[in-house]
């Protein structure tokens, strides 16, 4: 990082000195030399502006990619939380199980990339979201351990009610997710429906797989039916 900053500083310093010398040449030159000095100055200014524009475009593109990846991960976390609340409220009986964990890799990547280092509010929200997701996943680890150690249905139901009740950990992190997504939509124009399309994309690929499995089930049932009929 230090070497990159040094090279960048040397590059822009050299270009600035060259532009300054060319401008001075324009003021002292006369005759044909004036056109040569003017052409050289215009070329250096164009090179300087091109480097600045390229760096700005690259930084903007990098920020956009990070935002798209982050939005996709938040969309998947929304699905995980909705499924978690649904299974907890509609489960016929309390049973031991492994809970799905919230994803946080894209959030870590957004923090470590430095793409939002100058956006203090977004940077703070990323850290807040990462810390809450880490704490939530740890609580799921503890809940799983306790339910497997104290495996009575009453104990498991008590743990799940504590997680899924109003004001519980699942609802609190769900509200934090909604608040974070709303902030990204309002300030960075990142809407959650974009990743929702990605979640729907695999459905056409699953259709032929299901269609191929259906005949297998009829084939498995065929021998017993034949034997029964023959008997």
C-alpha atoms as a PDB file:
ATOM      1  CA  UNK A   1       0.000   0.000   0.000  1.00  0.00           C
ATOM      2  CA  UNK A   2       2.798   2.427   0.874  1.00  0.00           C
ATOM      3  CA  UNK A   3       4.646   1.604  -2.362  1.00  0.00           C
ATOM      4  CA  UNK A   4       1.453   2.167  -4.365  1.00  0.00           C
ATOM      5  CA  UNK A   5       0.933   5.572  -2.774  1.00  0.00           C
ATOM      6  CA  UNK A   6       4.559   6.502  -3.439  1.00  0.00           C
ATOM      7  CA  UNK A   7       4.300   5.558  -7.117  1.00  0.00           C
ATOM      8  CA  UNK A   8       1.028   7.466  -7.449  1.00  0.00           C
ATOM      9  CA  UNK A   9       2.498  10.571  -5.807  1.00  0.00           C
ATOM     10  CA  UNK A  10       5.586  10.444  -8.021  1.00  0.00           C
ATOM     11  CA  UNK A  11       3.483  10.017 -11.173  1.00  0.00           C
ATOM     12  CA  UNK A  12       1.196  12.948 -10.487  1.00  0.00           C
ATOM     13  CA  UNK A  13       4.066  15.114  -9.245  1.00  0.00           C
ATOM     14  CA  UNK A  14       6.012  14.476 -12.459  1.00  0.00           C
ATOM     15  CA  UNK A  15       2.995  15.295 -14.586  1.00  0.00           C
ATOM     16  CA  UNK A  16       2.316  18.476 -12.622  1.00  0.00           C
ATOM     17  CA  UNK A  17       5.927  19.640 -13.040  1.00  0.00           C
ATOM     18  CA  UNK A  18       5.830  18.825 -16.760  1.00  0.00           C
ATOM     19  CA  UNK A  19       2.597  20.790 -17.227  1.00  0.00           C
ATOM     20  CA  UNK A  20       4.073  23.739 -15.330  1.00  0.00           C
ATOM     21  CA  UNK A  21       7.226  23.768 -17.460  1.00  0.00           C
ATOM     22  CA  UNK A  22       5.162  23.514 -20.644  1.00  0.00           C
ATOM     23  CA  UNK A  23       3.018  26.457 -19.584  1.00  0.00           C
ATOM     24  CA  UNK A  24       6.129  28.495 -18.854  1.00  0.00           C
ATOM     25  CA  UNK A  25       7.467  27.563 -22.287  1.00  0.00           C
ATOM     26  CA  UNK A  26       4.222  28.799 -23.862  1.00  0.00           C
ATOM     27  CA  UNK A  27       4.708  32.241 -22.300  1.00  0.00           C
ATOM     28  CA  UNK A  28       8.364  32.629 -23.343  1.00  0.00           C
ATOM     29  CA  UNK A  29       8.216  30.870 -26.721  1.00  0.00           C
ATOM     30  CA  UNK A  30       7.959  32.800 -29.976  1.00  0.00           C
ATOM     31  CA  UNK A  31       7.332  31.851 -33.552  1.00  0.00           C
ATOM     32  CA  UNK A  32       7.118  28.165 -34.469  1.00  0.00           C
ATOM     33  CA  UNK A  33       8.256  27.178 -30.975  1.00  0.00           C
ATOM     34  CA  UNK A  34       5.023  28.585 -29.613  1.00  0.00           C
ATOM     35  CA  UNK A  35       2.956  25.998 -31.488  1.00  0.00           C
ATOM     36  CA  UNK A  36       5.238  23.195 -30.267  1.00  0.00           C
ATOM     37  CA  UNK A  37       4.941  24.406 -26.669  1.00  0.00           C
ATOM     38  CA  UNK A  38       1.170  24.702 -26.942  1.00  0.00           C
ATOM     39  CA  UNK A  39       0.851  21.209 -28.434  1.00  0.00           C
ATOM     40  CA  UNK A  40       3.035  19.732 -25.710  1.00  0.00           C
ATOM     41  CA  UNK A  41       1.017  21.499 -23.014  1.00  0.00           C
ATOM     42  CA  UNK A  42      -2.282  20.280 -24.430  1.00  0.00           C
ATOM     43  CA  UNK A  43      -0.933  16.711 -24.625  1.00  0.00           C
ATOM     44  CA  UNK A  44       0.248  16.760 -21.019  1.00  0.00           C
ATOM     45  CA  UNK A  45      -3.022  18.210 -19.783  1.00  0.00           C
ATOM     46  CA  UNK A  46      -4.944  15.560 -21.732  1.00  0.00           C
ATOM     47  CA  UNK A  47      -2.753  12.814 -20.250  1.00  0.00           C
ATOM     48  CA  UNK A  48      -3.269  14.171 -16.736  1.00  0.00           C
ATOM     49  CA  UNK A  49      -7.039  14.411 -17.229  1.00  0.00           C
ATOM     50  CA  UNK A  50      -7.156  10.917 -18.756  1.00  0.00           C
ATOM     51  CA  UNK A  51      -5.359   9.370 -15.788  1.00  0.00           C
ATOM     52  CA  UNK A  52      -7.673  11.120 -13.349  1.00  0.00           C
ATOM     53  CA  UNK A  53     -10.775  10.067 -15.290  1.00  0.00           C
ATOM     54  CA  UNK A  54      -9.579   6.458 -15.537  1.00  0.00           C
ATOM     55  CA  UNK A  55      -8.894   6.276 -11.811  1.00  0.00           C
ATOM     56  CA  UNK A  56     -12.297   7.796 -11.026  1.00  0.00           C
ATOM     57  CA  UNK A  57     -14.082   5.366 -13.351  1.00  0.00           C
ATOM     58  CA  UNK A  58     -12.187   2.374 -11.923  1.00  0.00           C
ATOM     59  CA  UNK A  59     -12.999   3.412  -8.362  1.00  0.00           C
ATOM     60  CA  UNK A  60     -16.643   3.948  -9.237  1.00  0.00           C
ATOM     61  CA  UNK A  61     -16.832   0.547 -10.939  1.00  0.00           C
ATOM     62  CA  UNK A  62     -15.202  -1.129  -7.937  1.00  0.00           C
ATOM     63  CA  UNK A  63     -17.678   0.503  -5.560  1.00  0.00           C
ATOM     64  CA  UNK A  64     -20.575  -0.618  -7.762  1.00  0.00           C
ATOM     65  CA  UNK A  65     -19.354  -4.226  -7.815  1.00  0.00           C
ATOM     66  CA  UNK A  66     -18.951  -4.246  -4.048  1.00  0.00           C
ATOM     67  CA  UNK A  67     -22.454  -2.811  -3.618  1.00  0.00           C
ATOM     68  CA  UNK A  68     -23.995  -5.392  -5.961  1.00  0.00           C
ATOM     69  CA  UNK A  69     -22.260  -8.233  -4.096  1.00  0.00           C
ATOM     70  CA  UNK A  70     -23.323  -6.804  -0.754  1.00  0.00           C
ATOM     71  CA  UNK A  71     -26.932  -6.381  -1.904  1.00  0.00           C
ATOM     72  CA  UNK A  72     -27.026  -9.958  -3.148  1.00  0.00           C
ATOM     73  CA  UNK A  73     -25.827 -11.225   0.225  1.00  0.00           C
ATOM     74  CA  UNK A  74     -28.390  -9.102   2.083  1.00  0.00           C
ATOM     75  CA  UNK A  75     -31.133 -10.536  -0.128  1.00  0.00           C
ATOM     76  CA  UNK A  76     -30.055 -14.076   0.734  1.00  0.00           C
ATOM     77  CA  UNK A  77     -30.008 -13.157   4.420  1.00  0.00           C
ATOM     78  CA  UNK A  78     -33.569 -11.880   4.081  1.00  0.00           C
ATOM     79  CA  UNK A  79     -34.623 -15.279   2.721  1.00  0.00           C
ATOM     80  CA  UNK A  80     -32.787 -17.063   5.549  1.00  0.00           C
ATOM     81  CA  UNK A  81     -34.487 -14.953   8.221  1.00  0.00           C
ATOM     82  CA  UNK A  82     -37.937 -15.375   6.662  1.00  0.00           C
ATOM     83  CA  UNK A  83     -37.481 -19.155   6.457  1.00  0.00           C
ATOM     84  CA  UNK A  84     -36.199 -19.249  10.024  1.00  0.00           C
ATOM     85  CA  UNK A  85     -39.226 -17.383  11.360  1.00  0.00           C
ATOM     86  CA  UNK A  86     -41.567 -19.497   9.251  1.00  0.00           C
ATOM     87  CA  UNK A  87     -40.154 -22.827  10.421  1.00  0.00           C
ATOM     88  CA  UNK A  88     -40.133 -21.736  14.058  1.00  0.00           C
ATOM     89  CA  UNK A  89     -43.763 -20.594  13.990  1.00  0.00           C
ATOM     90  CA  UNK A  90     -45.152 -23.447  11.869  1.00  0.00           C
ATOM     91  CA  UNK A  91     -43.125 -26.391  13.144  1.00  0.00           C
ATOM     92  CA  UNK A  92     -45.547 -29.160  14.319  1.00  0.00           C
ATOM     93  CA  UNK A  93     -43.240 -30.187  17.175  1.00  0.00           C
ATOM     94  CA  UNK A  94     -40.028 -28.931  18.697  1.00  0.00           C
ATOM     95  CA  UNK A  95     -37.053 -30.981  17.600  1.00  0.00           C
ATOM     96  CA  UNK A  96     -33.290 -30.787  17.472  1.00  0.00           C
ATOM     97  CA  UNK A  97     -31.968 -29.188  14.314  1.00  0.00           C
ATOM     98  CA  UNK A  98     -29.150 -27.165  12.820  1.00  0.00           C
ATOM     99  CA  UNK A  99     -30.154 -23.567  12.179  1.00  0.00           C
ATOM    100  CA  UNK A 100     -29.092 -21.744   9.003  1.00  0.00           C
ATOM    101  CA  UNK A 101     -26.463 -19.089   9.529  1.00  0.00           C
ATOM    102  CA  UNK A 102     -26.526 -15.580   8.136  1.00  0.00           C
ATOM    103  CA  UNK A 103     -23.961 -14.757   5.469  1.00  0.00           C
ATOM    104  CA  UNK A 104     -21.318 -12.149   6.189  1.00  0.00           C
ATOM    105  CA  UNK A 105     -18.491 -12.760   3.696  1.00  0.00           C
ATOM    106  CA  UNK A 106     -19.553  -9.971   1.301  1.00  0.00           C
ATOM    107  CA  UNK A 107     -19.824  -7.573   4.236  1.00  0.00           C
ATOM    108  CA  UNK A 108     -16.301  -8.466   5.323  1.00  0.00           C
ATOM    109  CA  UNK A 109     -15.128  -7.980   1.735  1.00  0.00           C
ATOM    110  CA  UNK A 110     -16.777  -4.567   1.544  1.00  0.00           C
ATOM    111  CA  UNK A 111     -15.012  -3.509   4.735  1.00  0.00           C
ATOM    112  CA  UNK A 112     -11.572  -4.810   3.828  1.00  0.00           C
ATOM    113  CA  UNK A 113     -11.719  -3.554   0.236  1.00  0.00           C
ATOM    114  CA  UNK A 114     -11.571   0.054   1.383  1.00  0.00           C
ATOM    115  CA  UNK A 115     -14.126   1.049  -1.260  1.00  0.00           C
ATOM    116  CA  UNK A 116     -16.177   2.908   1.353  1.00  0.00           C
ATOM    117  CA  UNK A 117     -13.400   4.174   3.572  1.00  0.00           C
ATOM    118  CA  UNK A 118     -14.386   7.779   2.813  1.00  0.00           C
ATOM    119  CA  UNK A 119     -18.100   7.171   3.458  1.00  0.00           C
ATOM    120  CA  UNK A 120     -18.147   7.225   7.249  1.00  0.00           C
ATOM    121  CA  UNK A 121     -21.843   6.465   7.689  1.00  0.00           C
ATOM    122  CA  UNK A 122     -21.836   3.471   5.345  1.00  0.00           C
ATOM    123  CA  UNK A 123     -18.576   2.228   6.839  1.00  0.00           C
ATOM    124  CA  UNK A 124     -20.079   2.434  10.333  1.00  0.00           C
ATOM    125  CA  UNK A 125     -23.243   0.633   9.214  1.00  0.00           C
ATOM    126  CA  UNK A 126     -21.171  -2.145   7.647  1.00  0.00           C
ATOM    127  CA  UNK A 127     -19.317  -2.668  10.923  1.00  0.00           C
ATOM    128  CA  UNK A 128     -22.570  -2.601  12.886  1.00  0.00           C
ATOM    129  CA  UNK A 129     -24.197  -5.147  10.580  1.00  0.00           C
ATOM    130  CA  UNK A 130     -21.128  -7.410  10.621  1.00  0.00           C
ATOM    131  CA  UNK A 131     -20.947  -7.348  14.421  1.00  0.00           C
ATOM    132  CA  UNK A 132     -24.661  -8.099  14.831  1.00  0.00           C
ATOM    133  CA  UNK A 133     -24.559 -10.966  12.322  1.00  0.00           C
ATOM    134  CA  UNK A 134     -21.525 -12.460  14.055  1.00  0.00           C
ATOM    135  CA  UNK A 135     -23.279 -12.209  17.424  1.00  0.00           C
ATOM    136  CA  UNK A 136     -26.472 -13.709  15.978  1.00  0.00           C
ATOM    137  CA  UNK A 137     -24.625 -16.691  14.500  1.00  0.00           C
ATOM    138  CA  UNK A 138     -22.859 -17.273  17.811  1.00  0.00           C
ATOM    139  CA  UNK A 139     -26.186 -17.285  19.602  1.00  0.00           C
ATOM    140  CA  UNK A 140     -27.415 -19.895  17.146  1.00  0.00           C
ATOM    141  CA  UNK A 141     -24.326 -21.969  17.975  1.00  0.00           C
ATOM    142  CA  UNK A 142     -25.183 -21.719  21.671  1.00  0.00           C
ATOM    143  CA  UNK A 143     -28.848 -22.545  21.026  1.00  0.00           C
ATOM    144  CA  UNK A 144     -27.933 -25.651  19.046  1.00  0.00           C
ATOM    145  CA  UNK A 145     -25.558 -26.827  21.761  1.00  0.00           C
ATOM    146  CA  UNK A 146     -28.168 -26.344  24.483  1.00  0.00           C
ATOM    147  CA  UNK A 147     -30.929 -28.044  22.508  1.00  0.00           C
ATOM    148  CA  UNK A 148     -28.749 -31.059  21.815  1.00  0.00           C
ATOM    149  CA  UNK A 149     -27.694 -31.260  25.459  1.00  0.00           C
ATOM    150  CA  UNK A 150     -31.173 -30.578  26.846  1.00  0.00           C
ATOM    151  CA  UNK A 151     -33.148 -32.321  24.147  1.00  0.00           C
ATOM    152  CA  UNK A 152     -36.602 -32.292  25.731  1.00  0.00           C
ATOM    153  CA  UNK A 153     -39.359 -30.821  23.532  1.00  0.00           C
ATOM    154  CA  UNK A 154     -40.211 -28.283  26.223  1.00  0.00           C
ATOM    155  CA  UNK A 155     -36.626 -27.009  26.405  1.00  0.00           C
ATOM    156  CA  UNK A 156     -36.286 -26.819  22.621  1.00  0.00           C
ATOM    157  CA  UNK A 157     -39.612 -25.005  22.303  1.00  0.00           C
ATOM    158  CA  UNK A 158     -38.503 -22.536  24.967  1.00  0.00           C
ATOM    159  CA  UNK A 159     -35.266 -21.770  23.126  1.00  0.00           C
ATOM    160  CA  UNK A 160     -37.058 -21.278  19.813  1.00  0.00           C
ATOM    161  CA  UNK A 161     -39.731 -19.069  21.364  1.00  0.00           C
ATOM    162  CA  UNK A 162     -37.011 -16.924  22.892  1.00  0.00           C
ATOM    163  CA  UNK A 163     -35.440 -16.522  19.442  1.00  0.00           C
ATOM    164  CA  UNK A 164     -38.593 -15.902  17.421  1.00  0.00           C
ATOM    165  CA  UNK A 165     -40.796 -13.864  19.782  1.00  0.00           C
ATOM    166  CA  UNK A 166     -41.468 -10.185  19.166  1.00  0.00           C
ATOM    167  CA  UNK A 167     -38.398  -8.328  20.317  1.00  0.00           C
ATOM    168  CA  UNK A 168     -36.307 -11.513  20.102  1.00  0.00           C
ATOM    169  CA  UNK A 169     -32.981 -11.843  18.323  1.00  0.00           C
ATOM    170  CA  UNK A 170     -34.504 -12.895  14.994  1.00  0.00           C
ATOM    171  CA  UNK A 171     -36.888  -9.942  14.847  1.00  0.00           C
ATOM    172  CA  UNK A 172     -34.245  -7.483  15.989  1.00  0.00           C
ATOM    173  CA  UNK A 173     -31.708  -8.477  13.381  1.00  0.00           C
ATOM    174  CA  UNK A 174     -34.502  -8.599  10.800  1.00  0.00           C
ATOM    175  CA  UNK A 175     -35.375  -4.980  11.568  1.00  0.00           C
ATOM    176  CA  UNK A 176     -31.705  -4.042  11.406  1.00  0.00           C
ATOM    177  CA  UNK A 177     -31.492  -5.688   7.984  1.00  0.00           C
ATOM    178  CA  UNK A 178     -34.526  -3.737   6.760  1.00  0.00           C
ATOM    179  CA  UNK A 179     -33.008  -0.502   8.044  1.00  0.00           C
ATOM    180  CA  UNK A 180     -29.677  -1.229   6.356  1.00  0.00           C
ATOM    181  CA  UNK A 181     -31.322  -2.117   3.046  1.00  0.00           C
ATOM    182  CA  UNK A 182     -33.458   1.033   3.217  1.00  0.00           C
ATOM    183  CA  UNK A 183     -30.349   3.129   3.756  1.00  0.00           C
ATOM    184  CA  UNK A 184     -28.588   1.540   0.759  1.00  0.00           C
ATOM    185  CA  UNK A 185     -31.660   2.050  -1.414  1.00  0.00           C
ATOM    186  CA  UNK A 186     -32.062   5.691  -0.419  1.00  0.00           C
ATOM    187  CA  UNK A 187     -28.417   6.788  -0.484  1.00  0.00           C
ATOM    188  CA  UNK A 188     -26.724   4.402  -2.926  1.00  0.00           C
ATOM    189  CA  UNK A 189     -29.647   3.303  -5.148  1.00  0.00           C
ATOM    190  CA  UNK A 190     -29.198  -0.383  -4.323  1.00  0.00           C
ATOM    191  CA  UNK A 191     -32.560  -2.120  -4.297  1.00  0.00           C
ATOM    192  CA  UNK A 192     -33.100  -5.570  -2.835  1.00  0.00           C
ATOM    193  CA  UNK A 193     -35.210  -6.922  -5.761  1.00  0.00           C
ATOM    194  CA  UNK A 194     -32.019  -7.313  -7.866  1.00  0.00           C
ATOM    195  CA  UNK A 195     -30.771 -10.325  -5.883  1.00  0.00           C
ATOM    196  CA  UNK A 196     -34.337 -11.657  -5.702  1.00  0.00           C
ATOM    197  CA  UNK A 197     -34.112 -12.256  -9.436  1.00  0.00           C
ATOM    198  CA  UNK A 198     -30.940 -14.244  -8.834  1.00  0.00           C
ATOM    199  CA  UNK A 199     -32.797 -16.407  -6.353  1.00  0.00           C
ATOM    200  CA  UNK A 200     -35.469 -17.083  -8.931  1.00  0.00           C
ATOM    201  CA  UNK A 201     -32.938 -17.866 -11.642  1.00  0.00           C
ATOM    202  CA  UNK A 202     -32.214 -21.457 -10.539  1.00  0.00           C
ATOM    203  CA  UNK A 203     -35.900 -22.435 -10.733  1.00  0.00           C
ATOM    204  CA  UNK A 204     -35.892 -23.221 -14.493  1.00  0.00           C
ATOM    205  CA  UNK A 205     -32.843 -25.442 -13.958  1.00  0.00           C
ATOM    206  CA  UNK A 206     -34.596 -27.362 -11.181  1.00  0.00           C
ATOM    207  CA  UNK A 207     -37.652 -28.126 -13.306  1.00  0.00           C
ATOM    208  CA  UNK A 208     -36.066 -30.793 -15.547  1.00  0.00           C
ATOM    209  CA  UNK A 209     -34.449 -32.443 -12.519  1.00  0.00           C
ATOM    210  CA  UNK A 210     -37.805 -32.859 -10.831  1.00  0.00           C
ATOM    211  CA  UNK A 211     -39.314 -34.113 -14.082  1.00  0.00           C
ATOM    212  CA  UNK A 212     -36.624 -36.766 -14.367  1.00  0.00           C
ATOM    213  CA  UNK A 213     -37.110 -38.013 -10.839  1.00  0.00           C
ATOM    214  CA  UNK A 214     -40.825 -38.607 -11.104  1.00  0.00           C
ATOM    215  CA  UNK A 215     -40.538 -41.623 -13.433  1.00  0.00           C
ATOM    216  CA  UNK A 216     -37.958 -43.153 -11.056  1.00  0.00           C
ATOM    217  CA  UNK A 217     -40.517 -43.191  -8.276  1.00  0.00           C
ATOM    218  CA  UNK A 218     -43.054 -44.987 -10.492  1.00  0.00           C
ATOM    219  CA  UNK A 219     -40.395 -47.507 -11.465  1.00  0.00           C
ATOM    220  CA  UNK A 220     -39.602 -48.194  -7.814  1.00  0.00           C
ATOM    221  CA  UNK A 221     -43.275 -48.724  -7.044  1.00  0.00           C
ATOM    222  CA  UNK A 222     -43.880 -50.919 -10.078  1.00  0.00           C
ATOM    223  CA  UNK A 223     -42.336 -54.223  -8.775  1.00  0.00           C
ATOM    224  CA  UNK A 224     -44.425 -54.348  -5.574  1.00  0.00           C
ATOM    225  CA  UNK A 225     -47.610 -53.609  -7.501  1.00  0.00           C
ATOM    226  CA  UNK A 226     -46.778 -56.332 -10.052  1.00  0.00           C
ATOM    227  CA  UNK A 227     -46.051 -58.913  -7.342  1.00  0.00           C
ATOM    228  CA  UNK A 228     -49.210 -58.016  -5.522  1.00  0.00           C
ATOM    229  CA  UNK A 229     -51.256 -58.378  -8.681  1.00  0.00           C
ATOM    230  CA  UNK A 230     -49.666 -61.686  -9.542  1.00  0.00           C
ATOM    231  CA  UNK A 231     -50.142 -62.970  -6.030  1.00  0.00           C
END
